């Protein structure tokens, strides 16, 4: 039987991952749109970007879960956890790009 503290810890990991994914991608959006002097090829409003981010976030967290990032046996092995986190981030970005291509919407202000 699972311990209540392990379930709470996993929920905290999920919430933390969600917060940091939103914060990181929002920070990248702000850097690209506000601080860059380059001309944007697509104008994506912050509301649209946040909407797409909220749509894609559950899929990104499922990718992390499928890679075993919320499994107890990887908590103490930092190298394995880092490699899985890197792979999950890469797959998440590929998923976002695929979503943009399949549904013919502009997600990233490039």
N, C-alpha and C. Protein backbone atom coordinates (compact mmCIF):
# COMPACT_ATOMS: atom_id res chain seq x y z
N UNK A 1 0.83 -1.18 0.00
CA UNK A 1 0.00 0.00 0.00
C UNK A 1 0.88 1.24 0.00
N UNK A 2 0.48 2.23 -0.74
CA UNK A 2 1.26 3.45 -0.84
C UNK A 2 1.10 4.32 0.39
N UNK A 3 2.17 5.02 0.67
CA UNK A 3 2.19 5.94 1.79
C UNK A 3 1.57 7.27 1.35
N UNK A 4 0.83 7.91 2.24
CA UNK A 4 0.23 9.20 1.91
C UNK A 4 1.27 10.25 1.59
N UNK A 5 2.42 10.19 2.24
CA UNK A 5 3.46 11.19 1.98
C UNK A 5 4.04 11.03 0.58
N UNK A 6 4.12 9.81 0.06
CA UNK A 6 4.64 9.64 -1.30
C UNK A 6 3.65 10.17 -2.34
N UNK A 7 2.36 10.01 -2.07
CA UNK A 7 1.35 10.55 -2.99
C UNK A 7 1.37 12.07 -2.96
N UNK A 8 1.47 12.64 -1.77
CA UNK A 8 1.56 14.10 -1.64
C UNK A 8 2.81 14.61 -2.33
N UNK A 9 3.92 13.89 -2.19
CA UNK A 9 5.16 14.30 -2.83
C UNK A 9 5.04 14.28 -4.36
N UNK A 10 4.38 13.28 -4.90
CA UNK A 10 4.17 13.21 -6.35
C UNK A 10 3.28 14.34 -6.85
N UNK A 11 2.25 14.67 -6.08
CA UNK A 11 1.37 15.78 -6.44
C UNK A 11 2.16 17.09 -6.41
N UNK A 12 3.02 17.25 -5.40
CA UNK A 12 3.87 18.44 -5.34
C UNK A 12 4.83 18.50 -6.51
N UNK A 13 5.36 17.36 -6.94
CA UNK A 13 6.23 17.33 -8.12
C UNK A 13 5.46 17.73 -9.37
N UNK A 14 4.24 17.24 -9.53
CA UNK A 14 3.42 17.60 -10.69
C UNK A 14 3.12 19.10 -10.70
N UNK A 15 2.73 19.63 -9.55
CA UNK A 15 2.43 21.06 -9.46
C UNK A 15 3.68 21.89 -9.72
N UNK A 16 4.79 21.47 -9.15
CA UNK A 16 6.06 22.18 -9.38
C UNK A 16 6.48 22.16 -10.83
N UNK A 17 6.35 21.00 -11.49
CA UNK A 17 6.68 20.93 -12.91
C UNK A 17 5.78 21.84 -13.73
N UNK A 18 4.50 21.85 -13.42
CA UNK A 18 3.56 22.70 -14.15
C UNK A 18 3.91 24.17 -13.97
N UNK A 19 4.19 24.57 -12.74
CA UNK A 19 4.53 25.97 -12.47
C UNK A 19 5.81 26.37 -13.19
N UNK A 20 6.82 25.51 -13.14
CA UNK A 20 8.09 25.87 -13.78
C UNK A 20 8.03 25.82 -15.30
N UNK A 21 7.21 24.93 -15.86
CA UNK A 21 7.02 24.94 -17.31
C UNK A 21 6.33 26.22 -17.76
N UNK A 22 5.28 26.61 -17.04
CA UNK A 22 4.58 27.85 -17.38
C UNK A 22 5.51 29.05 -17.20
N UNK A 23 6.25 29.08 -16.10
CA UNK A 23 7.15 30.21 -15.83
C UNK A 23 8.28 30.29 -16.87
N UNK A 24 8.86 29.16 -17.20
CA UNK A 24 9.96 29.15 -18.16
C UNK A 24 9.53 29.56 -19.56
N UNK A 25 8.42 29.00 -20.02
CA UNK A 25 7.95 29.33 -21.36
C UNK A 25 7.41 30.76 -21.42
N UNK A 26 6.81 31.23 -20.33
CA UNK A 26 6.34 32.62 -20.30
C UNK A 26 7.52 33.59 -20.30
N UNK A 27 8.56 33.24 -19.57
CA UNK A 27 9.76 34.08 -19.56
C UNK A 27 10.41 34.13 -20.95
N UNK A 28 10.45 32.99 -21.63
CA UNK A 28 10.99 32.96 -22.99
C UNK A 28 10.13 33.80 -23.93
N UNK A 29 8.80 33.75 -23.76
CA UNK A 29 7.90 34.56 -24.58
C UNK A 29 8.15 36.04 -24.34
N UNK A 30 8.29 36.43 -23.07
CA UNK A 30 8.53 37.83 -22.74
C UNK A 30 9.86 38.29 -23.33
N UNK A 31 10.89 37.47 -23.21
CA UNK A 31 12.18 37.83 -23.78
C UNK A 31 12.10 38.00 -25.29
N UNK A 32 11.37 37.12 -25.95
CA UNK A 32 11.28 37.17 -27.40
C UNK A 32 10.45 38.35 -27.89
N UNK A 33 9.34 38.60 -27.25
CA UNK A 33 8.41 39.62 -27.74
C UNK A 33 8.80 41.02 -27.26
N UNK A 34 9.14 41.16 -26.01
CA UNK A 34 9.36 42.49 -25.44
C UNK A 34 10.78 43.00 -25.61
N UNK A 35 11.74 42.15 -25.40
CA UNK A 35 13.12 42.62 -25.35
C UNK A 35 13.89 42.47 -26.66
N UNK A 36 13.39 41.67 -27.56
CA UNK A 36 14.09 41.44 -28.81
C UNK A 36 13.78 42.56 -29.81
N UNK A 37 14.79 42.95 -30.54
CA UNK A 37 14.61 43.99 -31.56
C UNK A 37 14.36 43.40 -32.95
N UNK A 38 14.39 42.08 -33.02
CA UNK A 38 14.14 41.40 -34.29
C UNK A 38 12.66 41.50 -34.66
N UNK A 39 12.40 41.54 -35.95
CA UNK A 39 11.03 41.59 -36.44
C UNK A 39 10.41 40.20 -36.30
N UNK A 40 9.21 40.16 -35.77
CA UNK A 40 8.51 38.89 -35.60
C UNK A 40 7.77 38.52 -36.88
N UNK A 41 7.87 37.27 -37.26
CA UNK A 41 7.17 36.84 -38.47
C UNK A 41 5.71 36.50 -38.17
N UNK A 42 5.40 36.23 -36.91
CA UNK A 42 4.03 35.94 -36.51
C UNK A 42 3.75 36.63 -35.19
N UNK A 43 2.67 37.37 -35.16
CA UNK A 43 2.27 38.04 -33.93
C UNK A 43 1.36 37.12 -33.13
N UNK A 44 1.84 36.69 -32.00
CA UNK A 44 1.06 35.85 -31.10
C UNK A 44 0.87 36.64 -29.82
N UNK A 45 -0.38 36.88 -29.46
CA UNK A 45 -0.64 37.64 -28.24
C UNK A 45 -0.33 36.77 -27.02
N UNK A 46 -0.13 37.43 -25.91
CA UNK A 46 0.19 36.69 -24.69
C UNK A 46 -0.99 35.83 -24.26
N UNK A 47 -2.19 36.27 -24.51
CA UNK A 47 -3.38 35.48 -24.17
C UNK A 47 -3.44 34.21 -25.01
N UNK A 48 -3.16 34.31 -26.31
CA UNK A 48 -3.13 33.13 -27.18
C UNK A 48 -2.03 32.16 -26.74
N UNK A 49 -0.85 32.72 -26.45
CA UNK A 49 0.27 31.88 -26.05
C UNK A 49 -0.04 31.14 -24.75
N UNK A 50 -0.60 31.84 -23.79
CA UNK A 50 -0.95 31.22 -22.52
C UNK A 50 -2.05 30.18 -22.71
N UNK A 51 -2.98 30.43 -23.61
CA UNK A 51 -4.03 29.46 -23.91
C UNK A 51 -3.46 28.17 -24.49
N UNK A 52 -2.54 28.30 -25.45
CA UNK A 52 -1.91 27.11 -26.03
C UNK A 52 -1.06 26.39 -24.98
N UNK A 53 -0.43 27.15 -24.12
CA UNK A 53 0.40 26.56 -23.07
C UNK A 53 -0.46 25.75 -22.10
N UNK A 54 -1.62 26.27 -21.75
CA UNK A 54 -2.53 25.55 -20.85
C UNK A 54 -3.07 24.28 -21.53
N UNK A 55 -3.29 24.35 -22.84
CA UNK A 55 -3.76 23.17 -23.57
C UNK A 55 -2.67 22.10 -23.62
N UNK A 56 -1.44 22.50 -23.86
CA UNK A 56 -0.35 21.55 -24.02
C UNK A 56 0.24 21.05 -22.70
N UNK A 57 0.02 21.77 -21.62
CA UNK A 57 0.63 21.42 -20.34
C UNK A 57 0.26 20.03 -19.83
N UNK A 58 -1.00 19.60 -19.87
CA UNK A 58 -1.30 18.23 -19.41
C UNK A 58 -0.59 17.16 -20.22
N UNK A 59 -0.47 17.37 -21.53
CA UNK A 59 0.23 16.39 -22.36
C UNK A 59 1.71 16.34 -22.00
N UNK A 60 2.29 17.51 -21.71
CA UNK A 60 3.69 17.58 -21.33
C UNK A 60 3.92 16.84 -20.01
N UNK A 61 3.01 17.00 -19.06
CA UNK A 61 3.14 16.31 -17.78
C UNK A 61 2.94 14.81 -17.93
N UNK A 62 2.08 14.39 -18.85
CA UNK A 62 1.91 12.96 -19.13
C UNK A 62 3.20 12.40 -19.73
N UNK A 63 3.85 13.15 -20.59
CA UNK A 63 5.13 12.72 -21.15
C UNK A 63 6.14 12.53 -20.03
N UNK A 64 6.20 13.47 -19.10
CA UNK A 64 7.11 13.33 -17.95
C UNK A 64 6.77 12.08 -17.14
N UNK A 65 5.48 11.83 -16.94
CA UNK A 65 5.08 10.66 -16.16
C UNK A 65 5.42 9.37 -16.89
N UNK A 66 5.22 9.34 -18.21
CA UNK A 66 5.55 8.14 -18.97
C UNK A 66 7.05 7.84 -18.97
N UNK A 67 7.85 8.88 -18.84
CA UNK A 67 9.30 8.68 -18.76
C UNK A 67 9.76 8.26 -17.37
N UNK A 68 8.84 8.21 -16.41
CA UNK A 68 9.15 7.74 -15.07
C UNK A 68 9.71 8.79 -14.14
N UNK A 69 9.48 10.05 -14.43
CA UNK A 69 10.03 11.10 -13.57
C UNK A 69 9.36 11.16 -12.20
N UNK A 70 8.19 10.57 -12.06
CA UNK A 70 7.48 10.59 -10.79
C UNK A 70 7.56 9.23 -10.09
N UNK A 71 8.52 8.42 -10.48
CA UNK A 71 8.73 7.11 -9.89
C UNK A 71 9.79 7.22 -8.78
N UNK A 72 9.55 6.56 -7.66
CA UNK A 72 10.43 6.69 -6.50
C UNK A 72 11.85 6.19 -6.75
N UNK A 73 12.04 5.23 -7.63
CA UNK A 73 13.37 4.65 -7.79
C UNK A 73 14.34 5.60 -8.51
N UNK A 74 13.85 6.69 -9.11
CA UNK A 74 14.72 7.64 -9.78
C UNK A 74 15.01 8.87 -8.94
N UNK A 75 14.44 8.97 -7.73
CA UNK A 75 14.63 10.16 -6.92
C UNK A 75 16.07 10.33 -6.49
N UNK A 76 16.78 9.25 -6.21
CA UNK A 76 18.14 9.34 -5.71
C UNK A 76 19.19 9.26 -6.80
N UNK A 77 18.81 8.95 -8.01
CA UNK A 77 19.76 8.86 -9.12
C UNK A 77 19.64 10.12 -9.97
N UNK A 78 20.43 11.12 -9.64
CA UNK A 78 20.30 12.44 -10.27
C UNK A 78 20.65 12.43 -11.76
N UNK A 79 21.63 11.62 -12.17
CA UNK A 79 22.00 11.58 -13.58
C UNK A 79 20.87 11.01 -14.42
N UNK A 80 20.24 9.94 -13.95
CA UNK A 80 19.12 9.35 -14.67
C UNK A 80 17.94 10.31 -14.70
N UNK A 81 17.72 10.99 -13.59
CA UNK A 81 16.61 11.95 -13.52
C UNK A 81 16.85 13.13 -14.47
N UNK A 82 18.07 13.61 -14.52
CA UNK A 82 18.40 14.72 -15.41
C UNK A 82 18.27 14.32 -16.87
N UNK A 83 18.72 13.11 -17.20
CA UNK A 83 18.61 12.67 -18.60
C UNK A 83 17.15 12.47 -18.99
N UNK A 84 16.33 11.96 -18.09
CA UNK A 84 14.90 11.80 -18.39
C UNK A 84 14.20 13.15 -18.49
N UNK A 85 14.61 14.10 -17.66
CA UNK A 85 14.03 15.43 -17.72
C UNK A 85 14.39 16.13 -19.03
N UNK A 86 15.63 15.97 -19.47
CA UNK A 86 16.06 16.54 -20.75
C UNK A 86 15.30 15.91 -21.91
N UNK A 87 15.16 14.59 -21.87
CA UNK A 87 14.42 13.89 -22.92
C UNK A 87 12.95 14.31 -22.91
N UNK A 88 12.36 14.44 -21.73
CA UNK A 88 10.97 14.86 -21.62
C UNK A 88 10.75 16.27 -22.14
N UNK A 89 11.70 17.16 -21.86
CA UNK A 89 11.60 18.53 -22.37
C UNK A 89 11.70 18.55 -23.89
N UNK A 90 12.61 17.75 -24.43
CA UNK A 90 12.77 17.67 -25.88
C UNK A 90 11.50 17.12 -26.54
N UNK A 91 10.95 16.06 -25.97
CA UNK A 91 9.73 15.49 -26.53
C UNK A 91 8.56 16.46 -26.39
N UNK A 92 8.52 17.20 -25.29
CA UNK A 92 7.46 18.20 -25.10
C UNK A 92 7.52 19.31 -26.13
N UNK A 93 8.72 19.78 -26.43
CA UNK A 93 8.88 20.81 -27.47
C UNK A 93 8.48 20.24 -28.83
N UNK A 94 8.88 19.00 -29.12
CA UNK A 94 8.47 18.36 -30.38
C UNK A 94 6.95 18.21 -30.44
N UNK A 95 6.34 17.90 -29.32
CA UNK A 95 4.87 17.78 -29.26
C UNK A 95 4.23 19.13 -29.55
N UNK A 96 4.77 20.21 -28.99
CA UNK A 96 4.22 21.55 -29.23
C UNK A 96 4.37 21.95 -30.70
N UNK A 97 5.51 21.65 -31.28
CA UNK A 97 5.73 21.96 -32.70
C UNK A 97 4.80 21.12 -33.58
N UNK A 98 4.61 19.86 -33.22
CA UNK A 98 3.70 18.99 -33.98
C UNK A 98 2.26 19.49 -33.88
N UNK A 99 1.86 19.91 -32.69
CA UNK A 99 0.53 20.48 -32.49
C UNK A 99 0.34 21.71 -33.38
N UNK A 100 1.35 22.55 -33.41
CA UNK A 100 1.29 23.76 -34.24
C UNK A 100 1.16 23.40 -35.72
N UNK A 101 1.87 22.38 -36.15
CA UNK A 101 1.84 21.98 -37.56
C UNK A 101 0.53 21.30 -37.92
N UNK A 102 0.06 20.39 -37.08
CA UNK A 102 -1.14 19.62 -37.40
C UNK A 102 -2.38 20.51 -37.42
N UNK A 103 -2.51 21.40 -36.45
CA UNK A 103 -3.69 22.25 -36.36
C UNK A 103 -3.52 23.59 -37.06
N UNK A 104 -2.37 23.79 -37.69
CA UNK A 104 -2.07 24.99 -38.47
C UNK A 104 -2.32 26.28 -37.67
N UNK A 105 -1.75 26.29 -36.48
CA UNK A 105 -1.81 27.48 -35.61
C UNK A 105 -0.39 27.91 -35.28
N UNK A 106 -0.23 29.17 -35.02
CA UNK A 106 1.07 29.70 -34.65
C UNK A 106 1.14 29.79 -33.14
N UNK A 107 2.06 29.05 -32.54
CA UNK A 107 2.22 29.05 -31.09
C UNK A 107 3.36 29.96 -30.69
N UNK A 108 4.46 29.84 -31.38
CA UNK A 108 5.67 30.57 -31.00
C UNK A 108 5.82 31.82 -31.88
N UNK A 109 6.10 32.96 -31.28
CA UNK A 109 6.34 34.18 -32.08
C UNK A 109 7.75 34.14 -32.66
N UNK A 110 7.86 33.61 -33.83
CA UNK A 110 9.19 33.44 -34.44
C UNK A 110 9.52 34.60 -35.35
